[in-house]
Amino acid sequence: MSSAMEWTAEAEACLKEIPFFVRPAARKKIEKFAQDMGITQITAEIYHQAKQKFGS
């Protein structure tokens, strides 16, 4: 996984809605989702799209 993934402050704030014990796994899933779409920046919109896809 590339560590070049950039998160906007808004997306980081959204990530804080997720319980801390599953947050690292959720972050990885969201980054993989974005990476598969060729996106290098996680925005709140991408976060919500990924969240919908994973049904959480």
N, C-alpha and C. Protein backbone atom coordinates (compact mmCIF):
# COMPACT_ATOMS: atom_id res chain seq x y z
N MET A 1 0.86 -1.20 0.00
CA MET A 1 0.00 0.00 0.00
C MET A 1 0.89 1.25 0.00
N SER A 2 0.61 2.11 -0.90
CA SER A 2 1.37 3.34 -0.97
C SER A 2 1.01 4.27 0.18
N SER A 3 2.02 4.85 0.79
CA SER A 3 1.74 5.79 1.89
C SER A 3 1.57 7.21 1.35
N ALA A 4 1.51 7.33 0.02
CA ALA A 4 1.35 8.64 -0.61
C ALA A 4 -0.10 9.11 -0.60
N MET A 5 -0.98 8.30 -0.01
CA MET A 5 -2.40 8.66 0.03
C MET A 5 -2.59 9.87 0.94
N GLU A 6 -3.24 10.87 0.40
CA GLU A 6 -3.45 12.12 1.14
C GLU A 6 -4.91 12.20 1.59
N TRP A 7 -5.12 12.57 2.83
CA TRP A 7 -6.47 12.72 3.38
C TRP A 7 -6.73 14.19 3.64
N THR A 8 -7.89 14.69 3.21
CA THR A 8 -8.26 16.07 3.54
C THR A 8 -8.67 16.10 5.02
N ALA A 9 -8.64 17.28 5.59
CA ALA A 9 -9.03 17.44 7.00
C ALA A 9 -10.46 16.97 7.21
N GLU A 10 -11.31 17.25 6.24
CA GLU A 10 -12.72 16.85 6.32
C GLU A 10 -12.86 15.33 6.34
N ALA A 11 -12.08 14.64 5.48
CA ALA A 11 -12.13 13.17 5.43
C ALA A 11 -11.59 12.58 6.74
N GLU A 12 -10.52 13.19 7.27
CA GLU A 12 -9.96 12.74 8.56
C GLU A 12 -11.02 12.85 9.66
N ALA A 13 -11.78 13.94 9.63
CA ALA A 13 -12.83 14.14 10.62
C ALA A 13 -13.90 13.05 10.48
N CYS A 14 -14.25 12.70 9.26
CA CYS A 14 -15.21 11.63 9.02
C CYS A 14 -14.70 10.30 9.57
N LEU A 15 -13.41 10.06 9.38
CA LEU A 15 -12.81 8.81 9.84
C LEU A 15 -12.94 8.66 11.36
N LYS A 16 -12.96 9.78 12.05
CA LYS A 16 -13.08 9.75 13.51
C LYS A 16 -14.45 9.27 13.99
N GLU A 17 -15.43 9.18 13.04
CA GLU A 17 -16.75 8.63 13.38
C GLU A 17 -16.65 7.12 13.62
N ILE A 18 -15.61 6.51 13.05
CA ILE A 18 -15.44 5.06 13.14
C ILE A 18 -14.77 4.73 14.47
N PRO A 19 -15.24 3.70 15.17
CA PRO A 19 -14.60 3.32 16.44
C PRO A 19 -13.10 3.09 16.25
N PHE A 20 -12.32 3.58 17.21
CA PHE A 20 -10.86 3.58 17.06
C PHE A 20 -10.27 2.20 16.80
N PHE A 21 -10.90 1.14 17.32
CA PHE A 21 -10.31 -0.20 17.17
C PHE A 21 -10.47 -0.78 15.76
N VAL A 22 -11.38 -0.24 14.95
CA VAL A 22 -11.50 -0.69 13.56
C VAL A 22 -11.01 0.36 12.57
N ARG A 23 -10.61 1.52 13.09
CA ARG A 23 -10.20 2.64 12.23
C ARG A 23 -9.04 2.29 11.29
N PRO A 24 -7.98 1.63 11.79
CA PRO A 24 -6.87 1.32 10.86
C PRO A 24 -7.31 0.44 9.68
N ALA A 25 -8.16 -0.54 9.95
CA ALA A 25 -8.66 -1.41 8.88
C ALA A 25 -9.56 -0.63 7.93
N ALA A 26 -10.40 0.23 8.48
CA ALA A 26 -11.29 1.05 7.66
C ALA A 26 -10.47 1.98 6.77
N ARG A 27 -9.44 2.59 7.35
CA ARG A 27 -8.56 3.48 6.58
C ARG A 27 -7.95 2.75 5.40
N LYS A 28 -7.46 1.53 5.65
CA LYS A 28 -6.85 0.74 4.58
C LYS A 28 -7.86 0.43 3.48
N LYS A 29 -9.07 0.05 3.88
CA LYS A 29 -10.12 -0.27 2.90
C LYS A 29 -10.46 0.95 2.05
N ILE A 30 -10.58 2.08 2.70
CA ILE A 30 -10.92 3.32 1.99
C ILE A 30 -9.79 3.72 1.04
N GLU A 31 -8.56 3.57 1.51
CA GLU A 31 -7.41 3.91 0.65
C GLU A 31 -7.33 2.97 -0.54
N LYS A 32 -7.62 1.68 -0.32
CA LYS A 32 -7.61 0.71 -1.42
C LYS A 32 -8.71 1.06 -2.42
N PHE A 33 -9.88 1.40 -1.92
CA PHE A 33 -11.01 1.81 -2.76
C PHE A 33 -10.60 2.98 -3.66
N ALA A 34 -9.99 3.99 -3.06
CA ALA A 34 -9.56 5.17 -3.81
C ALA A 34 -8.46 4.81 -4.81
N GLN A 35 -7.52 3.99 -4.35
CA GLN A 35 -6.40 3.60 -5.20
C GLN A 35 -6.91 2.85 -6.44
N ASP A 36 -7.88 1.98 -6.24
CA ASP A 36 -8.46 1.22 -7.36
C ASP A 36 -9.14 2.14 -8.37
N MET A 37 -9.59 3.30 -7.90
CA MET A 37 -10.22 4.29 -8.78
C MET A 37 -9.20 5.28 -9.34
N GLY A 38 -7.95 5.11 -8.97
CA GLY A 38 -6.91 6.00 -9.46
C GLY A 38 -6.89 7.35 -8.76
N ILE A 39 -7.41 7.39 -7.55
CA ILE A 39 -7.49 8.63 -6.77
C ILE A 39 -6.37 8.64 -5.74
N THR A 40 -5.72 9.79 -5.58
CA THR A 40 -4.61 9.89 -4.63
C THR A 40 -4.95 10.74 -3.41
N GLN A 41 -6.14 11.33 -3.42
CA GLN A 41 -6.54 12.14 -2.27
C GLN A 41 -7.90 11.68 -1.78
N ILE A 42 -7.98 11.38 -0.48
CA ILE A 42 -9.24 10.98 0.12
C ILE A 42 -9.96 12.24 0.58
N THR A 43 -11.13 12.47 -0.02
CA THR A 43 -11.97 13.59 0.40
C THR A 43 -13.16 13.00 1.16
N ALA A 44 -13.97 13.85 1.76
CA ALA A 44 -15.16 13.38 2.46
C ALA A 44 -16.07 12.63 1.48
N GLU A 45 -16.13 13.09 0.25
CA GLU A 45 -16.98 12.44 -0.76
C GLU A 45 -16.51 11.02 -1.03
N ILE A 46 -15.21 10.84 -1.22
CA ILE A 46 -14.64 9.51 -1.45
C ILE A 46 -14.88 8.63 -0.22
N TYR A 47 -14.69 9.21 0.94
CA TYR A 47 -14.92 8.48 2.20
C TYR A 47 -16.35 7.92 2.22
N HIS A 48 -17.33 8.76 1.90
CA HIS A 48 -18.73 8.34 1.95
C HIS A 48 -19.05 7.32 0.85
N GLN A 49 -18.44 7.47 -0.31
CA GLN A 49 -18.62 6.48 -1.39
C GLN A 49 -18.10 5.12 -0.94
N ALA A 50 -16.92 5.11 -0.33
CA ALA A 50 -16.32 3.86 0.13
C ALA A 50 -17.19 3.26 1.24
N LYS A 51 -17.65 4.11 2.13
CA LYS A 51 -18.48 3.65 3.24
C LYS A 51 -19.76 2.98 2.73
N GLN A 52 -20.36 3.59 1.71
CA GLN A 52 -21.57 3.01 1.10
C GLN A 52 -21.25 1.66 0.47
N LYS A 53 -20.12 1.59 -0.24
CA LYS A 53 -19.74 0.36 -0.92
C LYS A 53 -19.56 -0.77 0.08
N PHE A 54 -18.95 -0.47 1.21
CA PHE A 54 -18.67 -1.50 2.20
C PHE A 54 -19.84 -1.68 3.16
N GLY A 55 -20.89 -0.92 2.96
CA GLY A 55 -22.10 -1.08 3.73
C GLY A 55 -21.98 -0.82 5.22
N SER A 56 -21.12 0.15 5.58
CA SER A 56 -20.99 0.44 7.02
C SER A 56 -21.36 1.86 7.32
